[in-house]
Amino acid sequence: MTAPTQQKLKVHGPVVVTANRLRDGAVVYRAALGGWTTDLEASAIVHSAEDAKKLLAAASEEGLDAVGPYVAPVDTAGGRVMPGNLREQIRVAGPTFDLPGTAIR
């Protein structure tokens, strides 16, 4: 298996580094000042493969806080930062079906 920092990375537009927090599985993003945040708007947004690899390398060094960091597209049109594809929209919003015991009656 190839390490995330050694994979060939193609960046076409704005991207962030995202992962899941180990203690509770929450979706987190690499923050502009380092560390992790659950706020997509506070994430470090980059536009090149080189900058994305730097973020991935820094994220991978902090393996105790988050797991599985990878580069994800974002949409910055309209002045807001939004998930850039369906997968990321689902990760942010949660499951697309009711989990057992959570249905409203």
PDB file of N, CA and C in Angstrom:
ATOM      1  N   MET A   1       0.845  -1.179   0.000  1.00  0.00           N
ATOM      2  CA  MET A   1       0.000   0.000   0.000  1.00  0.00           C
ATOM      3  C   MET A   1       0.887   1.239   0.000  1.00  0.00           C
ATOM      4  N   THR A   2       0.559   2.207  -0.816  1.00  0.00           N
ATOM      5  CA  THR A   2       1.337   3.430  -0.931  1.00  0.00           C
ATOM      6  C   THR A   2       0.880   4.437   0.117  1.00  0.00           C
ATOM      7  N   ALA A   3       1.827   5.076   0.771  1.00  0.00           N
ATOM      8  CA  ALA A   3       1.506   6.111   1.752  1.00  0.00           C
ATOM      9  C   ALA A   3       0.818   7.279   1.059  1.00  0.00           C
ATOM     10  N   PRO A   4      -0.126   7.981   1.754  1.00  0.00           N
ATOM     11  CA  PRO A   4      -0.839   9.093   1.125  1.00  0.00           C
ATOM     12  C   PRO A   4       0.091  10.155   0.550  1.00  0.00           C
ATOM     13  N   THR A   5       1.219  10.396   1.187  1.00  0.00           N
ATOM     14  CA  THR A   5       2.131  11.434   0.706  1.00  0.00           C
ATOM     15  C   THR A   5       2.919  11.000  -0.519  1.00  0.00           C
ATOM     16  N   GLN A   6       2.893   9.697  -0.854  1.00  0.00           N
ATOM     17  CA  GLN A   6       3.634   9.195  -2.007  1.00  0.00           C
ATOM     18  C   GLN A   6       2.733   8.889  -3.197  1.00  0.00           C
ATOM     19  N   GLN A   7       1.436   9.030  -3.030  1.00  0.00           N
ATOM     20  CA  GLN A   7       0.509   8.769  -4.120  1.00  0.00           C
ATOM     21  C   GLN A   7       0.531   9.920  -5.115  1.00  0.00           C
ATOM     22  N   LYS A   8       0.279   9.600  -6.380  1.00  0.00           N
ATOM     23  CA  LYS A   8       0.170  10.644  -7.391  1.00  0.00           C
ATOM     24  C   LYS A   8      -1.133  11.389  -7.128  1.00  0.00           C
ATOM     25  N   LEU A   9      -1.029  12.682  -7.009  1.00  0.00           N
ATOM     26  CA  LEU A   9      -2.170  13.489  -6.610  1.00  0.00           C
ATOM     27  C   LEU A   9      -2.481  14.503  -7.699  1.00  0.00           C
ATOM     28  N   LYS A  10      -3.733  14.535  -8.133  1.00  0.00           N
ATOM     29  CA  LYS A  10      -4.178  15.510  -9.121  1.00  0.00           C
ATOM     30  C   LYS A  10      -5.146  16.457  -8.429  1.00  0.00           C
ATOM     31  N   VAL A  11      -4.872  17.737  -8.540  1.00  0.00           N
ATOM     32  CA  VAL A  11      -5.725  18.748  -7.929  1.00  0.00           C
ATOM     33  C   VAL A  11      -6.260  19.648  -9.027  1.00  0.00           C
ATOM     34  N   HIS A  12      -7.577  19.721  -9.120  1.00  0.00           N
ATOM     35  CA  HIS A  12      -8.250  20.572 -10.106  1.00  0.00           C
ATOM     36  C   HIS A  12      -9.227  21.459  -9.349  1.00  0.00           C
ATOM     37  N   GLY A  13      -8.739  22.538  -8.797  1.00  0.00           N
ATOM     38  CA  GLY A  13      -9.583  23.435  -8.029  1.00  0.00           C
ATOM     39  C   GLY A  13      -9.264  23.340  -6.547  1.00  0.00           C
ATOM     40  N   PRO A  14     -10.057  23.998  -5.724  1.00  0.00           N
ATOM     41  CA  PRO A  14      -9.777  24.028  -4.285  1.00  0.00           C
ATOM     42  C   PRO A  14     -10.019  22.672  -3.621  1.00  0.00           C
ATOM     43  N   VAL A  15      -9.114  22.318  -2.703  1.00  0.00           N
ATOM     44  CA  VAL A  15      -9.223  21.059  -1.957  1.00  0.00           C
ATOM     45  C   VAL A  15      -8.860  21.287  -0.493  1.00  0.00           C
ATOM     46  N   VAL A  16      -9.282  20.359   0.344  1.00  0.00           N
ATOM     47  CA  VAL A  16      -8.931  20.329   1.761  1.00  0.00           C
ATOM     48  C   VAL A  16      -8.439  18.930   2.104  1.00  0.00           C
ATOM     49  N   VAL A  17      -7.827  18.796   3.258  1.00  0.00           N
ATOM     50  CA  VAL A  17      -7.478  17.471   3.778  1.00  0.00           C
ATOM     51  C   VAL A  17      -8.499  17.135   4.849  1.00  0.00           C
ATOM     52  N   THR A  18      -9.109  15.984   4.731  1.00  0.00           N
ATOM     53  CA  THR A  18     -10.131  15.551   5.669  1.00  0.00           C
ATOM     54  C   THR A  18      -9.784  14.171   6.216  1.00  0.00           C
ATOM     55  N   ALA A  19     -10.362  13.839   7.362  1.00  0.00           N
ATOM     56  CA  ALA A  19     -10.130  12.547   8.021  1.00  0.00           C
ATOM     57  C   ALA A  19     -11.283  12.319   8.989  1.00  0.00           C
ATOM     58  N   ASN A  20     -11.156  11.281   9.807  1.00  0.00           N
ATOM     59  CA  ASN A  20     -12.124  11.039  10.871  1.00  0.00           C
ATOM     60  C   ASN A  20     -11.405  11.083  12.207  1.00  0.00           C
ATOM     61  N   ARG A  21     -12.007  11.783  13.167  1.00  0.00           N
ATOM     62  CA  ARG A  21     -11.432  11.879  14.501  1.00  0.00           C
ATOM     63  C   ARG A  21     -11.516  10.520  15.178  1.00  0.00           C
ATOM     64  N   LEU A  22     -10.427  10.111  15.802  1.00  0.00           N
ATOM     65  CA  LEU A  22     -10.355   8.777  16.405  1.00  0.00           C
ATOM     66  C   LEU A  22     -11.314   8.593  17.573  1.00  0.00           C
ATOM     67  N   ARG A  23     -11.453   9.576  18.424  1.00  0.00           N
ATOM     68  CA  ARG A  23     -12.240   9.352  19.648  1.00  0.00           C
ATOM     69  C   ARG A  23     -13.732   9.165  19.401  1.00  0.00           C
ATOM     70  N   ASP A  24     -14.272   9.771  18.311  1.00  0.00           N
ATOM     71  CA  ASP A  24     -15.708   9.642  18.089  1.00  0.00           C
ATOM     72  C   ASP A  24     -16.119   9.460  16.623  1.00  0.00           C
ATOM     73  N   GLY A  25     -15.155   9.434  15.709  1.00  0.00           N
ATOM     74  CA  GLY A  25     -15.452   9.212  14.299  1.00  0.00           C
ATOM     75  C   GLY A  25     -15.935  10.431  13.545  1.00  0.00           C
ATOM     76  N   ALA A  26     -15.971  11.594  14.192  1.00  0.00           N
ATOM     77  CA  ALA A  26     -16.457  12.813  13.540  1.00  0.00           C
ATOM     78  C   ALA A  26     -15.592  13.166  12.335  1.00  0.00           C
ATOM     79  N   VAL A  27     -16.212  13.762  11.339  1.00  0.00           N
ATOM     80  CA  VAL A  27     -15.496  14.254  10.165  1.00  0.00           C
ATOM     81  C   VAL A  27     -14.710  15.492  10.597  1.00  0.00           C
ATOM     82  N   VAL A  28     -13.409  15.503  10.303  1.00  0.00           N
ATOM     83  CA  VAL A  28     -12.561  16.645  10.647  1.00  0.00           C
ATOM     84  C   VAL A  28     -11.774  17.090   9.424  1.00  0.00           C
ATOM     85  N   TYR A  29     -11.316  18.331   9.488  1.00  0.00           N
ATOM     86  CA  TYR A  29     -10.564  18.929   8.388  1.00  0.00           C
ATOM     87  C   TYR A  29      -9.280  19.518   8.949  1.00  0.00           C
ATOM     88  N   ARG A  30      -8.231  19.482   8.142  1.00  0.00           N
ATOM     89  CA  ARG A  30      -6.965  20.080   8.540  1.00  0.00           C
ATOM     90  C   ARG A  30      -7.163  21.588   8.599  1.00  0.00           C
ATOM     91  N   ALA A  31      -6.865  22.188   9.745  1.00  0.00           N
ATOM     92  CA  ALA A  31      -7.065  23.620   9.941  1.00  0.00           C
ATOM     93  C   ALA A  31      -5.908  24.417   9.348  1.00  0.00           C
ATOM     94  N   ALA A  32      -6.177  25.653   9.012  1.00  0.00           N
ATOM     95  CA  ALA A  32      -5.167  26.518   8.412  1.00  0.00           C
ATOM     96  C   ALA A  32      -3.955  26.697   9.321  1.00  0.00           C
ATOM     97  N   LEU A  33      -4.155  26.702  10.626  1.00  0.00           N
ATOM     98  CA  LEU A  33      -3.058  26.898  11.574  1.00  0.00           C
ATOM     99  C   LEU A  33      -2.540  25.582  12.147  1.00  0.00           C
ATOM    100  N   GLY A  34      -2.889  24.476  11.529  1.00  0.00           N
ATOM    101  CA  GLY A  34      -2.484  23.163  12.026  1.00  0.00           C
ATOM    102  C   GLY A  34      -3.562  22.583  12.917  1.00  0.00           C
ATOM    103  N   GLY A  35      -3.445  21.312  13.217  1.00  0.00           N
ATOM    104  CA  GLY A  35      -4.468  20.645  14.008  1.00  0.00           C
ATOM    105  C   GLY A  35      -5.699  20.339  13.172  1.00  0.00           C
ATOM    106  N   TRP A  36      -6.767  19.963  13.845  1.00  0.00           N
ATOM    107  CA  TRP A  36      -7.995  19.539  13.174  1.00  0.00           C
ATOM    108  C   TRP A  36      -9.167  20.376  13.635  1.00  0.00           C
ATOM    109  N   THR A  37     -10.154  20.530  12.763  1.00  0.00           N
ATOM    110  CA  THR A  37     -11.379  21.241  13.073  1.00  0.00           C
ATOM    111  C   THR A  37     -12.551  20.495  12.457  1.00  0.00           C
ATOM    112  N   THR A  38     -13.716  20.610  13.086  1.00  0.00           N
ATOM    113  CA  THR A  38     -14.930  20.032  12.499  1.00  0.00           C
ATOM    114  C   THR A  38     -15.630  21.040  11.598  1.00  0.00           C
ATOM    115  N   ASP A  39     -15.132  22.258  11.547  1.00  0.00           N
ATOM    116  CA  ASP A  39     -15.723  23.337  10.764  1.00  0.00           C
ATOM    117  C   ASP A  39     -15.046  23.422   9.398  1.00  0.00           C
ATOM    118  N   LEU A  40     -15.757  23.048   8.348  1.00  0.00           N
ATOM    119  CA  LEU A  40     -15.206  23.079   7.002  1.00  0.00           C
ATOM    120  C   LEU A  40     -14.750  24.486   6.625  1.00  0.00           C
ATOM    121  N   GLU A  41     -15.461  25.500   7.071  1.00  0.00           N
ATOM    122  CA  GLU A  41     -15.100  26.889   6.753  1.00  0.00           C
ATOM    123  C   GLU A  41     -13.759  27.292   7.361  1.00  0.00           C
ATOM    124  N   ALA A  42     -13.310  26.600   8.420  1.00  0.00           N
ATOM    125  CA  ALA A  42     -12.036  26.919   9.078  1.00  0.00           C
ATOM    126  C   ALA A  42     -10.886  26.063   8.565  1.00  0.00           C
ATOM    127  N   SER A  43     -11.153  25.258   7.558  1.00  0.00           N
ATOM    128  CA  SER A  43     -10.115  24.354   7.039  1.00  0.00           C
ATOM    129  C   SER A  43      -9.123  25.082   6.142  1.00  0.00           C
ATOM    130  N   ALA A  44      -7.950  24.492   5.999  1.00  0.00           N
ATOM    131  CA  ALA A  44      -6.928  25.011   5.095  1.00  0.00           C
ATOM    132  C   ALA A  44      -7.309  24.604   3.677  1.00  0.00           C
ATOM    133  N   ILE A  45      -7.514  25.567   2.818  1.00  0.00           N
ATOM    134  CA  ILE A  45      -7.881  25.303   1.427  1.00  0.00           C
ATOM    135  C   ILE A  45      -6.664  25.573   0.558  1.00  0.00           C
ATOM    136  N   VAL A  46      -6.310  24.596  -0.268  1.00  0.00           N
ATOM    137  CA  VAL A  46      -5.166  24.747  -1.167  1.00  0.00           C
ATOM    138  C   VAL A  46      -5.609  24.486  -2.605  1.00  0.00           C
ATOM    139  N   HIS A  47      -4.758  24.922  -3.548  1.00  0.00           N
ATOM    140  CA  HIS A  47      -5.115  24.827  -4.963  1.00  0.00           C
ATOM    141  C   HIS A  47      -4.084  24.084  -5.801  1.00  0.00           C
ATOM    142  N   SER A  48      -3.079  23.483  -5.159  1.00  0.00           N
ATOM    143  CA  SER A  48      -2.067  22.762  -5.925  1.00  0.00           C
ATOM    144  C   SER A  48      -1.773  21.414  -5.274  1.00  0.00           C
ATOM    145  N   ALA A  49      -1.298  20.486  -6.087  1.00  0.00           N
ATOM    146  CA  ALA A  49      -0.950  19.157  -5.578  1.00  0.00           C
ATOM    147  C   ALA A  49       0.189  19.247  -4.573  1.00  0.00           C
ATOM    148  N   GLU A  50       1.136  20.133  -4.815  1.00  0.00           N
ATOM    149  CA  GLU A  50       2.273  20.287  -3.905  1.00  0.00           C
ATOM    150  C   GLU A  50       1.807  20.737  -2.513  1.00  0.00           C
ATOM    151  N   ASP A  51       0.929  21.735  -2.460  1.00  0.00           N
ATOM    152  CA  ASP A  51       0.417  22.201  -1.168  1.00  0.00           C
ATOM    153  C   ASP A  51      -0.452  21.143  -0.492  1.00  0.00           C
ATOM    154  N   ALA A  52      -1.218  20.405  -1.289  1.00  0.00           N
ATOM    155  CA  ALA A  52      -2.053  19.336  -0.727  1.00  0.00           C
ATOM    156  C   ALA A  52      -1.184  18.244  -0.114  1.00  0.00           C
ATOM    157  N   LYS A  53      -0.074  17.910  -0.773  1.00  0.00           N
ATOM    158  CA  LYS A  53       0.839  16.902  -0.229  1.00  0.00           C
ATOM    159  C   LYS A  53       1.456  17.360   1.087  1.00  0.00           C
ATOM    160  N   LYS A  54       1.755  18.648   1.195  1.00  0.00           N
ATOM    161  CA  LYS A  54       2.296  19.182   2.453  1.00  0.00           C
ATOM    162  C   LYS A  54       1.270  19.042   3.581  1.00  0.00           C
ATOM    163  N   LEU A  55       0.019  19.368   3.285  1.00  0.00           N
ATOM    164  CA  LEU A  55      -1.036  19.211   4.294  1.00  0.00           C
ATOM    165  C   LEU A  55      -1.213  17.747   4.687  1.00  0.00           C
ATOM    166  N   LEU A  56      -1.189  16.864   3.685  1.00  0.00           N
ATOM    167  CA  LEU A  56      -1.316  15.428   3.959  1.00  0.00           C
ATOM    168  C   LEU A  56      -0.176  14.924   4.829  1.00  0.00           C
ATOM    169  N   ALA A  57       1.041  15.378   4.548  1.00  0.00           N
ATOM    170  CA  ALA A  57       2.203  14.948   5.332  1.00  0.00           C
ATOM    171  C   ALA A  57       2.062  15.395   6.776  1.00  0.00           C
ATOM    172  N   ALA A  58       1.659  16.638   6.984  1.00  0.00           N
ATOM    173  CA  ALA A  58       1.475  17.146   8.350  1.00  0.00           C
ATOM    174  C   ALA A  58       0.353  16.398   9.054  1.00  0.00           C
ATOM    175  N   ALA A  59      -0.719  16.104   8.337  1.00  0.00           N
ATOM    176  CA  ALA A  59      -1.852  15.383   8.922  1.00  0.00           C
ATOM    177  C   ALA A  59      -1.471  13.957   9.286  1.00  0.00           C
ATOM    178  N   SER A  60      -0.685  13.315   8.441  1.00  0.00           N
ATOM    179  CA  SER A  60      -0.287  11.931   8.688  1.00  0.00           C
ATOM    180  C   SER A  60       0.617  11.807   9.905  1.00  0.00           C
ATOM    181  N   GLU A  61       1.358  12.860  10.221  1.00  0.00           N
ATOM    182  CA  GLU A  61       2.232  12.841  11.396  1.00  0.00           C
ATOM    183  C   GLU A  61       1.444  12.873  12.692  1.00  0.00           C
ATOM    184  N   GLU A  62       0.197  13.317  12.641  1.00  0.00           N
ATOM    185  CA  GLU A  62      -0.643  13.407  13.831  1.00  0.00           C
ATOM    186  C   GLU A  62      -1.637  12.251  13.873  1.00  0.00           C
ATOM    187  N   GLY A  63      -1.164  11.039  13.745  1.00  0.00           N
ATOM    188  CA  GLY A  63      -2.013   9.867  13.681  1.00  0.00           C
ATOM    189  C   GLY A  63      -2.774   9.542  14.942  1.00  0.00           C
ATOM    190  N   LEU A  64      -2.502  10.238  16.034  1.00  0.00           N
ATOM    191  CA  LEU A  64      -3.201   9.950  17.282  1.00  0.00           C
ATOM    192  C   LEU A  64      -4.550  10.661  17.377  1.00  0.00           C
ATOM    193  N   ASP A  65      -4.752  11.712  16.582  1.00  0.00           N
ATOM    194  CA  ASP A  65      -5.991  12.477  16.647  1.00  0.00           C
ATOM    195  C   ASP A  65      -7.001  12.093  15.571  1.00  0.00           C
ATOM    196  N   ALA A  66      -6.513  11.805  14.377  1.00  0.00           N
ATOM    197  CA  ALA A  66      -7.406  11.515  13.262  1.00  0.00           C
ATOM    198  C   ALA A  66      -6.822  10.385  12.423  1.00  0.00           C
ATOM    199  N   VAL A  67      -7.714   9.679  11.735  1.00  0.00           N
ATOM    200  CA  VAL A  67      -7.293   8.521  10.949  1.00  0.00           C
ATOM    201  C   VAL A  67      -7.775   8.671   9.513  1.00  0.00           C
ATOM    202  N   GLY A  68      -6.951   8.188   8.579  1.00  0.00           N
ATOM    203  CA  GLY A  68      -7.337   8.137   7.174  1.00  0.00           C
ATOM    204  C   GLY A  68      -7.385   9.462   6.459  1.00  0.00           C
ATOM    205  N   PRO A  69      -6.406  10.344   6.644  1.00  0.00           N
ATOM    206  CA  PRO A  69      -6.476  11.627   5.943  1.00  0.00           C
ATOM    207  C   PRO A  69      -6.371  11.466   4.430  1.00  0.00           C
ATOM    208  N   TYR A  70      -7.140  12.267   3.724  1.00  0.00           N
ATOM    209  CA  TYR A  70      -7.084  12.279   2.260  1.00  0.00           C
ATOM    210  C   TYR A  70      -7.520  13.649   1.753  1.00  0.00           C
ATOM    211  N   VAL A  71      -7.270  13.902   0.493  1.00  0.00           N
ATOM    212  CA  VAL A  71      -7.607  15.172  -0.134  1.00  0.00           C
ATOM    213  C   VAL A  71      -9.026  15.091  -0.697  1.00  0.00           C
ATOM    214  N   ALA A  72      -9.822  16.121  -0.398  1.00  0.00           N
ATOM    215  CA  ALA A  72     -11.206  16.157  -0.877  1.00  0.00           C
ATOM    216  C   ALA A  72     -11.490  17.507  -1.528  1.00  0.00           C
ATOM    217  N   PRO A  73     -12.259  17.506  -2.603  1.00  0.00           N
ATOM    218  CA  PRO A  73     -12.589  18.768  -3.273  1.00  0.00           C
ATOM    219  C   PRO A  73     -13.602  19.575  -2.464  1.00  0.00           C
ATOM    220  N   VAL A  74     -13.507  20.891  -2.593  1.00  0.00           N
ATOM    221  CA  VAL A  74     -14.504  21.780  -1.998  1.00  0.00           C
ATOM    222  C   VAL A  74     -14.959  22.772  -3.047  1.00  0.00           C
ATOM    223  N   ASP A  75     -16.121  23.336  -2.814  1.00  0.00           N
ATOM    224  CA  ASP A  75     -16.690  24.350  -3.695  1.00  0.00           C
ATOM    225  C   ASP A  75     -16.688  25.659  -2.921  1.00  0.00           C
ATOM    226  N   THR A  76     -16.013  26.659  -3.455  1.00  0.00           N
ATOM    227  CA  THR A  76     -15.921  27.941  -2.760  1.00  0.00           C
ATOM    228  C   THR A  76     -16.734  29.033  -3.451  1.00  0.00           C
ATOM    229  N   ALA A  77     -17.566  28.661  -4.399  1.00  0.00           N
ATOM    230  CA  ALA A  77     -18.402  29.641  -5.104  1.00  0.00           C
ATOM    231  C   ALA A  77     -19.396  30.250  -4.121  1.00  0.00           C
ATOM    232  N   GLY A  78     -19.662  31.518  -4.283  1.00  0.00           N
ATOM    233  CA  GLY A  78     -20.634  32.183  -3.422  1.00  0.00           C
ATOM    234  C   GLY A  78     -20.073  32.594  -2.073  1.00  0.00           C
ATOM    235  N   GLY A  79     -18.753  32.472  -1.899  1.00  0.00           N
ATOM    236  CA  GLY A  79     -18.141  32.919  -0.654  1.00  0.00           C
ATOM    237  C   GLY A  79     -18.217  31.937   0.498  1.00  0.00           C
ATOM    238  N   ARG A  80     -18.840  30.804   0.308  1.00  0.00           N
ATOM    239  CA  ARG A  80     -18.922  29.782   1.352  1.00  0.00           C
ATOM    240  C   ARG A  80     -18.129  28.569   0.920  1.00  0.00           C
ATOM    241  N   VAL A  81     -17.657  27.815   1.902  1.00  0.00           N
ATOM    242  CA  VAL A  81     -16.939  26.571   1.616  1.00  0.00           C
ATOM    243  C   VAL A  81     -17.920  25.420   1.792  1.00  0.00           C
ATOM    244  N   MET A  82     -18.138  24.683   0.723  1.00  0.00           N
ATOM    245  CA  MET A  82     -19.081  23.566   0.725  1.00  0.00           C
ATOM    246  C   MET A  82     -18.382  22.319   0.209  1.00  0.00           C
ATOM    247  N   PRO A  83     -18.852  21.126   0.613  1.00  0.00           N
ATOM    248  CA  PRO A  83     -18.284  19.893   0.061  1.00  0.00           C
ATOM    249  C   PRO A  83     -18.378  19.914  -1.465  1.00  0.00           C
ATOM    250  N   GLY A  84     -17.332  19.422  -2.124  1.00  0.00           N
ATOM    251  CA  GLY A  84     -17.252  19.505  -3.570  1.00  0.00           C
ATOM    252  C   GLY A  84     -17.742  18.304  -4.336  1.00  0.00           C
ATOM    253  N   ASN A  85     -18.172  17.249  -3.632  1.00  0.00           N
ATOM    254  CA  ASN A  85     -18.716  16.088  -4.336  1.00  0.00           C
ATOM    255  C   ASN A  85     -19.723  15.372  -3.429  1.00  0.00           C
ATOM    256  N   LEU A  86     -20.429  14.426  -3.977  1.00  0.00           N
ATOM    257  CA  LEU A  86     -21.487  13.731  -3.245  1.00  0.00           C
ATOM    258  C   LEU A  86     -20.954  13.000  -2.014  1.00  0.00           C
ATOM    259  N   ARG A  87     -19.809  12.348  -2.148  1.00  0.00           N
ATOM    260  CA  ARG A  87     -19.247  11.612  -1.015  1.00  0.00           C
ATOM    261  C   ARG A  87     -19.041  12.530   0.180  1.00  0.00           C
ATOM    262  N   GLU A  88     -18.469  13.703  -0.065  1.00  0.00           N
ATOM    263  CA  GLU A  88     -18.205  14.633   1.032  1.00  0.00           C
ATOM    264  C   GLU A  88     -19.492  15.236   1.576  1.00  0.00           C
ATOM    265  N   GLN A  89     -20.488  15.436   0.728  1.00  0.00           N
ATOM    266  CA  GLN A  89     -21.784  15.920   1.206  1.00  0.00           C
ATOM    267  C   GLN A  89     -22.397  14.924   2.178  1.00  0.00           C
ATOM    268  N   ILE A  90     -22.297  13.640   1.856  1.00  0.00           N
ATOM    269  CA  ILE A  90     -22.838  12.591   2.732  1.00  0.00           C
ATOM    270  C   ILE A  90     -22.039  12.518   4.033  1.00  0.00           C
ATOM    271  N   ARG A  91     -20.717  12.628   3.965  1.00  0.00           N
ATOM    272  CA  ARG A  91     -19.890  12.577   5.181  1.00  0.00           C
ATOM    273  C   ARG A  91     -20.255  13.708   6.134  1.00  0.00           C
ATOM    274  N   VAL A  92     -20.528  14.899   5.595  1.00  0.00           N
ATOM    275  CA  VAL A  92     -20.865  16.049   6.429  1.00  0.00           C
ATOM    276  C   VAL A  92     -22.272  15.911   7.012  1.00  0.00           C
ATOM    277  N   ALA A  93     -23.229  15.471   6.194  1.00  0.00           N
ATOM    278  CA  ALA A  93     -24.628  15.417   6.611  1.00  0.00           C
ATOM    279  C   ALA A  93     -24.972  14.170   7.422  1.00  0.00           C
ATOM    280  N   GLY A  94     -24.178  13.119   7.305  1.00  0.00           N
ATOM    281  CA  GLY A  94     -24.478  11.889   8.015  1.00  0.00           C
ATOM    282  C   GLY A  94     -25.147  10.869   7.116  1.00  0.00           C
ATOM    283  N   PRO A  95     -25.557   9.731   7.688  1.00  0.00           N
ATOM    284  CA  PRO A  95     -26.139   8.643   6.898  1.00  0.00           C
ATOM    285  C   PRO A  95     -27.338   9.095   6.083  1.00  0.00           C
ATOM    286  N   THR A  96     -27.555   8.440   4.956  1.00  0.00           N
ATOM    287  CA  THR A  96     -28.681   8.778   4.085  1.00  0.00           C
ATOM    288  C   THR A  96     -29.935   7.971   4.434  1.00  0.00           C
ATOM    289  N   PHE A  97     -29.895   7.268   5.549  1.00  0.00           N
ATOM    290  CA  PHE A  97     -31.045   6.488   6.001  1.00  0.00           C
ATOM    291  C   PHE A  97     -31.102   6.586   7.522  1.00  0.00           C
ATOM    292  N   ASP A  98     -32.286   6.315   8.099  1.00  0.00           N
ATOM    293  CA  ASP A  98     -32.442   6.344   9.542  1.00  0.00           C
ATOM    294  C   ASP A  98     -31.731   5.140  10.149  1.00  0.00           C
ATOM    295  N   LEU A  99     -30.922   5.405  11.172  1.00  0.00           N
ATOM    296  CA  LEU A  99     -30.277   4.327  11.905  1.00  0.00           C
ATOM    297  C   LEU A  99     -31.284   3.698  12.867  1.00  0.00           C
ATOM    298  N   PRO A 100     -31.110   2.421  13.199  1.00  0.00           N
ATOM    299  CA  PRO A 100     -32.037   1.781  14.138  1.00  0.00           C
ATOM    300  C   PRO A 100     -32.135   2.581  15.433  1.00  0.00           C
ATOM    301  N   GLY A 101     -33.379   2.811  15.872  1.00  0.00           N
ATOM    302  CA  GLY A 101     -33.593   3.523  17.118  1.00  0.00           C
ATOM    303  C   GLY A 101     -33.575   5.040  16.992  1.00  0.00           C
ATOM    304  N   THR A 102     -33.404   5.559  15.761  1.00  0.00           N
ATOM    305  CA  THR A 102     -33.363   7.008  15.597  1.00  0.00           C
ATOM    306  C   THR A 102     -34.540   7.542  14.801  1.00  0.00           C
ATOM    307  N   ALA A 103     -35.413   6.667  14.320  1.00  0.00           N
ATOM    308  CA  ALA A 103     -36.552   7.116  13.521  1.00  0.00           C
ATOM    309  C   ALA A 103     -37.534   7.897  14.397  1.00  0.00           C
ATOM    310  N   ILE A 104     -38.050   8.973  13.849  1.00  0.00           N
ATOM    311  CA  ILE A 104     -39.048   9.788  14.569  1.00  0.00           C
ATOM    312  C   ILE A 104     -40.408   9.216  14.301  1.00  0.00           C
ATOM    313  N   ARG A 105     -41.180   9.038  15.331  1.00  0.00           N
ATOM    314  CA  ARG A 105     -42.547   8.489  15.179  1.00  0.00           C
ATOM    315  C   ARG A 105     -43.563   9.493  15.583  1.00  0.00           C
TER     316      ARG A 105
END
